[in-house]
N, C-alpha and C. Protein backbone atom coordinates (compact mmCIF):
# COMPACT_ATOMS: atom_id res chain seq x y z
N UNK A 1 -2.46 37.77 -41.34
CA UNK A 1 -2.45 38.14 -39.95
C UNK A 1 -3.43 37.19 -39.01
N UNK A 2 -4.60 36.84 -39.54
CA UNK A 2 -5.55 36.16 -38.92
C UNK A 2 -5.03 34.77 -38.96
N UNK A 3 -4.47 34.14 -39.87
CA UNK A 3 -3.88 32.95 -39.92
C UNK A 3 -2.78 32.73 -38.90
N UNK A 4 -1.94 33.77 -38.62
CA UNK A 4 -0.93 33.55 -37.57
C UNK A 4 -1.67 33.27 -36.16
N UNK A 5 -2.62 34.24 -36.03
CA UNK A 5 -3.24 34.53 -34.70
C UNK A 5 -3.93 33.04 -34.56
N UNK A 6 -4.69 32.60 -35.41
CA UNK A 6 -5.40 31.21 -35.58
C UNK A 6 -4.57 30.01 -35.20
N UNK A 7 -3.28 30.31 -35.98
CA UNK A 7 -2.44 29.10 -35.82
C UNK A 7 -1.83 29.08 -34.34
N UNK A 8 -1.43 30.09 -33.83
CA UNK A 8 -0.92 30.46 -32.48
C UNK A 8 -2.05 29.94 -31.37
N UNK A 9 -3.38 30.15 -31.57
CA UNK A 9 -4.20 29.71 -30.63
C UNK A 9 -4.43 28.20 -30.90
N UNK A 10 -4.36 27.61 -31.91
CA UNK A 10 -4.39 26.16 -32.15
C UNK A 10 -3.13 25.54 -31.55
N UNK A 11 -2.04 26.08 -31.55
CA UNK A 11 -0.80 25.57 -30.84
C UNK A 11 -1.19 25.41 -29.33
N UNK A 12 -1.77 26.57 -28.87
CA UNK A 12 -1.69 26.81 -27.39
C UNK A 12 -2.91 25.86 -26.93
N UNK A 13 -3.94 25.82 -27.53
CA UNK A 13 -5.05 24.74 -27.36
C UNK A 13 -4.49 23.43 -27.30
N UNK A 14 -3.83 23.05 -28.25
CA UNK A 14 -3.29 21.61 -28.36
C UNK A 14 -2.31 21.31 -27.37
N UNK A 15 -1.49 22.23 -26.86
CA UNK A 15 -0.52 22.13 -25.88
C UNK A 15 -1.47 21.95 -24.53
N UNK A 16 -2.50 22.66 -24.40
CA UNK A 16 -3.33 22.52 -23.18
C UNK A 16 -4.11 21.13 -23.03
N UNK A 17 -4.67 20.66 -24.16
CA UNK A 17 -5.28 19.53 -24.37
C UNK A 17 -4.28 18.31 -24.11
N UNK A 18 -3.06 18.29 -24.41
CA UNK A 18 -1.92 17.38 -24.13
C UNK A 18 -1.80 17.31 -22.68
N UNK A 19 -1.63 18.46 -21.92
CA UNK A 19 -1.36 18.67 -20.50
C UNK A 19 -2.66 18.09 -19.86
N UNK A 20 -3.78 18.28 -20.23
CA UNK A 20 -5.06 17.88 -19.47
C UNK A 20 -5.30 16.23 -19.55
N UNK A 21 -4.78 15.77 -20.70
CA UNK A 21 -4.99 14.46 -20.80
C UNK A 21 -3.65 13.60 -20.36
N UNK A 22 -2.84 14.29 -19.99
CA UNK A 22 -1.54 13.42 -19.44
C UNK A 22 -1.82 12.49 -18.41
N UNK A 23 -1.16 11.23 -18.61
CA UNK A 23 -1.63 10.16 -17.58
C UNK A 23 -1.23 10.72 -16.23
N UNK A 24 -1.99 10.28 -15.30
CA UNK A 24 -1.68 10.46 -13.85
C UNK A 24 -1.82 9.19 -13.05
N UNK A 25 -1.19 9.22 -11.82
CA UNK A 25 -1.26 7.89 -11.24
C UNK A 25 -2.88 7.67 -10.80
N UNK A 26 -2.86 6.41 -10.72
CA UNK A 26 -4.40 6.00 -10.15
C UNK A 26 -4.52 6.51 -8.81
N UNK A 27 -5.67 6.69 -8.42
CA UNK A 27 -6.09 7.33 -7.20
C UNK A 27 -5.61 6.40 -5.95
N UNK A 28 -5.79 5.16 -6.11
CA UNK A 28 -5.31 4.23 -5.04
C UNK A 28 -3.80 4.15 -4.84
N UNK A 29 -3.14 4.37 -6.04
CA UNK A 29 -1.62 4.33 -5.74
C UNK A 29 -1.16 5.61 -5.12
N UNK A 30 -1.75 6.63 -5.66
CA UNK A 30 -1.33 8.08 -5.08
C UNK A 30 -1.75 8.05 -3.59
N UNK A 31 -2.79 7.56 -3.23
CA UNK A 31 -3.17 7.49 -1.77
C UNK A 31 -2.43 6.73 -0.97
N UNK A 32 -2.08 5.51 -1.44
CA UNK A 32 -1.00 4.62 -0.73
C UNK A 32 0.35 5.29 -0.49
N UNK A 33 0.74 6.02 -1.47
CA UNK A 33 2.23 6.64 -1.32
C UNK A 33 2.03 7.81 -0.15
N UNK A 34 0.85 8.65 -0.20
CA UNK A 34 0.78 9.53 0.64
C UNK A 34 0.80 8.97 2.14
N UNK A 35 -0.06 8.02 2.25
CA UNK A 35 -0.19 7.28 3.60
C UNK A 35 1.25 6.80 4.21
N UNK A 36 2.03 6.24 3.20
CA UNK A 36 3.28 5.57 3.36
C UNK A 36 4.15 6.86 3.71
N UNK A 37 4.29 7.99 2.96
CA UNK A 37 5.12 9.19 3.30
C UNK A 37 4.78 9.65 4.82
N UNK A 38 3.51 9.88 5.12
CA UNK A 38 3.09 10.41 6.46
C UNK A 38 3.51 9.36 7.59
N UNK A 39 3.37 8.00 7.36
CA UNK A 39 3.77 7.13 8.50
C UNK A 39 5.39 7.09 8.59
N UNK A 40 5.96 7.20 7.55
CA UNK A 40 7.44 7.22 7.77
C UNK A 40 8.06 8.43 8.55
N UNK A 41 7.25 9.59 8.34
CA UNK A 41 7.60 10.40 9.10
C UNK A 41 6.88 10.78 10.59
N UNK A 42 6.32 9.62 10.97
CA UNK A 42 5.80 9.52 12.40
C UNK A 42 4.38 9.85 12.61
N UNK A 43 3.67 10.20 11.53
CA UNK A 43 2.26 10.48 11.88
C UNK A 43 1.45 9.31 11.60
N UNK A 44 0.01 9.52 11.73
CA UNK A 44 -0.67 8.49 11.60
C UNK A 44 -1.67 8.79 10.54
N UNK A 45 -1.72 7.88 9.62
CA UNK A 45 -2.52 8.28 8.36
C UNK A 45 -3.36 7.05 7.83
N UNK A 46 -4.53 7.34 7.46
CA UNK A 46 -5.48 6.13 6.85
C UNK A 46 -6.41 6.61 6.02
N UNK A 47 -7.15 5.55 5.28
CA UNK A 47 -8.33 5.75 4.32
C UNK A 47 -9.42 6.02 4.97
N UNK A 48 -10.20 7.24 5.19
CA UNK A 48 -11.37 7.07 5.80
C UNK A 48 -12.34 6.53 4.84
N UNK A 49 -12.44 7.13 3.56
CA UNK A 49 -13.50 6.77 2.76
C UNK A 49 -12.65 6.28 1.33
N UNK A 50 -13.00 4.99 0.84
CA UNK A 50 -12.37 4.53 -0.17
C UNK A 50 -13.05 4.80 -1.48
N UNK A 51 -12.60 5.57 -2.40
CA UNK A 51 -13.39 5.93 -3.65
C UNK A 51 -12.94 5.33 -4.90
N UNK A 52 -13.21 5.63 -5.87
CA UNK A 52 -12.88 4.78 -7.16
C UNK A 52 -11.30 4.69 -7.27
N UNK A 53 -10.97 3.57 -7.49
CA UNK A 53 -9.33 3.10 -7.51
C UNK A 53 -8.89 4.04 -8.76
N UNK A 54 -9.41 4.06 -9.85
CA UNK A 54 -8.67 4.72 -11.06
C UNK A 54 -8.67 6.14 -10.83
N UNK A 55 -9.72 6.89 -10.73
CA UNK A 55 -9.80 8.27 -10.86
C UNK A 55 -10.73 9.09 -10.00
N UNK A 56 -10.90 8.60 -8.70
CA UNK A 56 -11.81 9.32 -7.66
C UNK A 56 -11.03 10.36 -7.18
N UNK A 57 -11.60 11.48 -6.93
CA UNK A 57 -10.85 12.68 -6.38
C UNK A 57 -10.56 12.31 -5.10
N UNK A 58 -9.41 12.92 -4.49
CA UNK A 58 -8.74 12.57 -3.25
C UNK A 58 -8.91 13.87 -2.31
N UNK A 59 -9.52 13.70 -1.22
CA UNK A 59 -9.58 14.99 -0.17
C UNK A 59 -8.62 14.57 1.02
N UNK A 60 -7.86 15.58 1.49
CA UNK A 60 -6.97 15.10 2.62
C UNK A 60 -7.47 16.01 3.60
N UNK A 61 -7.56 15.12 4.96
CA UNK A 61 -7.99 16.07 6.03
C UNK A 61 -6.81 15.68 6.92
N UNK A 62 -6.34 16.99 7.43
CA UNK A 62 -4.89 16.87 8.23
C UNK A 62 -5.46 17.33 9.62
N UNK A 63 -5.50 16.40 10.57
CA UNK A 63 -6.06 16.73 12.03
C UNK A 63 -4.99 17.20 12.85
N UNK A 64 -5.22 18.24 13.55
CA UNK A 64 -4.11 18.84 14.45
C UNK A 64 -4.20 18.13 15.70
N UNK A 65 -5.20 17.10 16.18
CA UNK A 65 -5.50 16.32 17.14
C UNK A 65 -5.78 17.14 18.33
N UNK A 66 -6.29 18.45 17.96
CA UNK A 66 -6.99 19.26 18.96
C UNK A 66 -8.47 19.78 18.79
N UNK A 67 -9.03 19.15 17.94
CA UNK A 67 -10.40 19.38 17.50
C UNK A 67 -10.42 20.29 16.33
N UNK A 68 -9.29 20.73 15.70
CA UNK A 68 -9.18 21.45 14.46
C UNK A 68 -8.25 20.60 13.34
N UNK A 69 -8.70 21.08 12.27
CA UNK A 69 -8.18 20.18 10.93
C UNK A 69 -8.08 21.30 9.78
N UNK A 70 -7.36 20.85 8.76
CA UNK A 70 -7.30 21.66 7.40
C UNK A 70 -7.76 20.60 6.49
N UNK A 71 -8.47 20.94 5.41
CA UNK A 71 -8.81 20.26 4.34
C UNK A 71 -8.21 20.57 3.14
N UNK A 72 -7.39 19.78 2.66
CA UNK A 72 -6.57 20.04 1.25
C UNK A 72 -7.43 19.34 0.24
N UNK A 73 -7.57 20.14 -0.93
CA UNK A 73 -8.31 19.68 -2.07
C UNK A 73 -7.62 19.97 -3.36
N UNK A 74 -7.69 18.97 -4.49
CA UNK A 74 -6.88 19.23 -5.62
C UNK A 74 -7.59 20.40 -6.53
N UNK A 75 -6.68 21.08 -7.14
CA UNK A 75 -7.17 22.09 -8.17
C UNK A 75 -6.13 22.16 -9.30
N UNK A 76 -6.31 22.83 -10.45
CA UNK A 76 -5.61 22.87 -11.48
C UNK A 76 -4.87 24.26 -11.49
N UNK A 77 -3.68 24.27 -11.86
CA UNK A 77 -2.83 25.64 -11.96
C UNK A 77 -3.02 26.01 -13.34
N UNK A 78 -2.27 27.20 -13.76
CA UNK A 78 -2.47 27.65 -15.18
C UNK A 78 -2.03 26.99 -16.27
N UNK A 79 -1.11 25.86 -15.82
CA UNK A 79 -0.69 24.99 -16.62
C UNK A 79 -1.31 23.55 -16.65
N UNK A 80 -2.44 23.28 -16.10
CA UNK A 80 -3.28 22.25 -15.92
C UNK A 80 -2.61 21.15 -15.01
N UNK A 81 -1.52 21.48 -14.48
CA UNK A 81 -0.87 20.55 -13.42
C UNK A 81 -1.63 20.50 -12.10
N UNK A 82 -1.82 19.19 -11.67
CA UNK A 82 -2.72 19.23 -10.02
C UNK A 82 -1.77 19.65 -9.10
N UNK A 83 -2.48 20.70 -8.34
CA UNK A 83 -1.95 21.32 -7.20
C UNK A 83 -2.76 21.15 -6.21
N UNK A 84 -2.42 21.00 -4.96
CA UNK A 84 -3.13 21.10 -3.65
C UNK A 84 -3.33 22.25 -3.03
N UNK A 85 -4.62 22.68 -2.67
CA UNK A 85 -4.71 23.91 -2.00
C UNK A 85 -5.51 23.67 -0.55
N UNK A 86 -4.93 24.29 0.46
CA UNK A 86 -5.76 24.17 1.64
C UNK A 86 -6.85 25.17 1.65
N UNK A 87 -8.03 24.54 2.15
CA UNK A 87 -9.37 25.14 2.02
C UNK A 87 -9.47 26.25 2.91
N UNK A 88 -8.60 26.54 3.87
CA UNK A 88 -8.82 27.74 4.76
C UNK A 88 -7.11 28.21 5.17
N UNK A 89 -7.18 29.27 5.44
CA UNK A 89 -5.84 29.62 5.90
C UNK A 89 -5.50 29.35 7.27
N UNK A 90 -6.43 29.01 8.04
CA UNK A 90 -6.39 28.35 9.55
C UNK A 90 -7.32 27.25 9.65
N UNK A 91 -6.76 26.43 10.67
CA UNK A 91 -7.35 25.21 10.94
C UNK A 91 -9.00 25.59 11.22
N UNK A 92 -9.84 24.44 10.63
CA UNK A 92 -11.19 24.76 10.93
C UNK A 92 -11.58 23.64 12.16
N UNK A 93 -12.69 23.90 12.52
CA UNK A 93 -13.40 22.59 13.39
C UNK A 93 -13.34 21.34 12.69
N UNK A 94 -12.92 19.95 13.16
CA UNK A 94 -13.12 18.77 12.55
C UNK A 94 -14.48 18.65 12.19
N UNK A 95 -15.44 19.04 12.85
CA UNK A 95 -16.85 18.90 12.72
C UNK A 95 -17.17 19.33 11.56
N UNK A 96 -16.94 20.72 11.22
CA UNK A 96 -17.36 21.44 9.96
C UNK A 96 -16.72 20.64 8.66
N UNK A 97 -15.36 20.14 8.85
CA UNK A 97 -14.68 19.45 7.89
C UNK A 97 -15.54 18.03 7.54
N UNK A 98 -15.68 17.45 8.60
CA UNK A 98 -16.57 16.16 8.49
C UNK A 98 -17.92 16.31 7.85
N UNK A 99 -18.63 17.57 8.11
CA UNK A 99 -19.85 17.50 7.45
C UNK A 99 -19.76 18.11 6.03
N UNK A 100 -18.64 18.79 5.63
CA UNK A 100 -18.53 18.82 4.18
C UNK A 100 -18.38 17.61 3.53
N UNK A 101 -17.36 16.77 4.26
CA UNK A 101 -17.17 15.34 3.55
C UNK A 101 -18.30 14.63 3.35
N UNK A 102 -19.30 14.57 4.47
CA UNK A 102 -20.58 13.77 4.49
C UNK A 102 -21.30 14.24 3.26
N UNK A 103 -21.58 15.69 3.12
CA UNK A 103 -22.40 16.03 2.07
C UNK A 103 -21.82 16.09 0.72
N UNK A 104 -20.53 16.05 0.70
CA UNK A 104 -19.89 15.87 -0.69
C UNK A 104 -19.94 14.38 -1.16
N UNK A 105 -19.83 13.28 -0.30
CA UNK A 105 -19.88 12.06 -0.60
C UNK A 105 -21.12 11.48 -1.10
N UNK A 106 -22.30 12.44 -0.72
CA UNK A 106 -23.66 12.07 -1.06
C UNK A 106 -23.90 12.25 -2.56
N UNK A 107 -23.10 13.25 -3.08
CA UNK A 107 -23.02 13.60 -4.64
C UNK A 107 -21.98 12.83 -5.34
N UNK A 108 -20.84 12.60 -4.68
CA UNK A 108 -19.61 11.97 -5.40
C UNK A 108 -19.08 10.58 -4.51
N UNK A 109 -19.72 9.59 -4.74
CA UNK A 109 -19.50 8.44 -4.03
C UNK A 109 -17.89 7.97 -4.32
N UNK A 110 -17.29 8.47 -5.43
CA UNK A 110 -16.10 8.19 -5.82
C UNK A 110 -14.93 8.81 -4.93
N UNK A 111 -15.39 9.80 -4.12
CA UNK A 111 -14.43 10.50 -3.36
C UNK A 111 -13.64 9.65 -2.47
N UNK A 112 -12.34 9.99 -2.39
CA UNK A 112 -11.47 9.15 -1.45
C UNK A 112 -11.27 10.49 -0.46
N UNK A 113 -11.45 9.75 0.81
CA UNK A 113 -10.78 10.79 1.98
C UNK A 113 -9.83 10.15 2.75
N UNK A 114 -8.60 10.97 2.72
CA UNK A 114 -7.30 10.41 3.58
C UNK A 114 -7.34 11.19 5.06
N UNK A 115 -7.15 10.64 5.93
CA UNK A 115 -7.13 11.50 7.30
C UNK A 115 -5.60 11.17 7.66
N UNK A 116 -4.90 12.44 8.10
CA UNK A 116 -3.50 12.32 8.60
C UNK A 116 -3.81 13.07 10.05
N UNK A 117 -3.22 12.33 10.88
CA UNK A 117 -3.39 12.87 12.37
C UNK A 117 -1.84 13.35 12.74
N UNK A 118 -1.64 14.51 12.87
CA UNK A 118 -0.29 15.01 13.05
C UNK A 118 -0.30 16.49 13.64
N UNK A 119 0.18 16.41 14.88
CA UNK A 119 0.14 17.59 15.87
C UNK A 119 0.89 18.84 15.00
N UNK A 120 1.80 18.50 14.21
CA UNK A 120 2.27 19.84 13.52
C UNK A 120 1.50 20.23 12.25
N UNK A 121 0.61 19.58 11.80
CA UNK A 121 -0.37 19.83 10.93
C UNK A 121 0.15 19.69 9.48
N UNK A 122 1.09 18.70 9.31
CA UNK A 122 1.79 18.50 8.05
C UNK A 122 0.87 17.68 7.08
N UNK A 123 0.79 18.05 5.81
CA UNK A 123 0.08 17.39 4.92
C UNK A 123 0.67 16.29 4.08
N UNK A 124 2.00 16.52 4.27
CA UNK A 124 3.00 15.30 3.41
C UNK A 124 2.95 15.32 2.11
N UNK A 125 2.51 16.47 1.50
CA UNK A 125 2.38 16.73 0.00
C UNK A 125 3.83 17.08 -0.50
N UNK A 126 4.03 16.66 -1.75
CA UNK A 126 5.52 17.07 -2.01
C UNK A 126 5.45 18.45 -2.46
N UNK A 127 6.63 19.04 -2.47
CA UNK A 127 6.76 20.51 -2.81
C UNK A 127 6.18 21.15 -4.00
N UNK A 128 6.35 20.17 -5.17
CA UNK A 128 5.69 20.59 -6.32
C UNK A 128 4.13 20.42 -6.45
N UNK A 129 3.60 19.64 -5.44
CA UNK A 129 2.03 19.35 -5.46
C UNK A 129 1.42 20.60 -4.57
N UNK A 130 2.03 21.43 -3.84
CA UNK A 130 1.33 22.38 -3.12
C UNK A 130 1.35 23.59 -3.92
N UNK A 131 -0.01 24.37 -3.66
CA UNK A 131 -0.15 25.78 -4.13
C UNK A 131 0.79 26.53 -3.18
N UNK A 132 1.43 27.66 -3.88
CA UNK A 132 2.24 28.60 -2.94
C UNK A 132 1.23 29.68 -2.72
């Protein structure tokens, strides 16, 4: 019985390790694709802070162009896939988000920050990238 449980746990752990180490797009390529997607839809998007090209974390600030914005950050779901989560249910002041970005960049110089200016507040993330 213990051998079966142990074997099961090893299989589960092995599957999680494979998912965790699965290759992902370089940060620079992913950021370029997001910016292109936003621009094609009529929004203005640009890199505020250029992080590590290969593996820098990307933060997305979506400005509603009225002094408010939403910050989207990556997290992992139960299957270790990267998903994007809005950090608040409602838009926050751009000043507060900018302060968070400044503080985070002090500790993580590899951080990318993409800003999207869109009155509709669209983050231009693909459906399978967003948390529900």
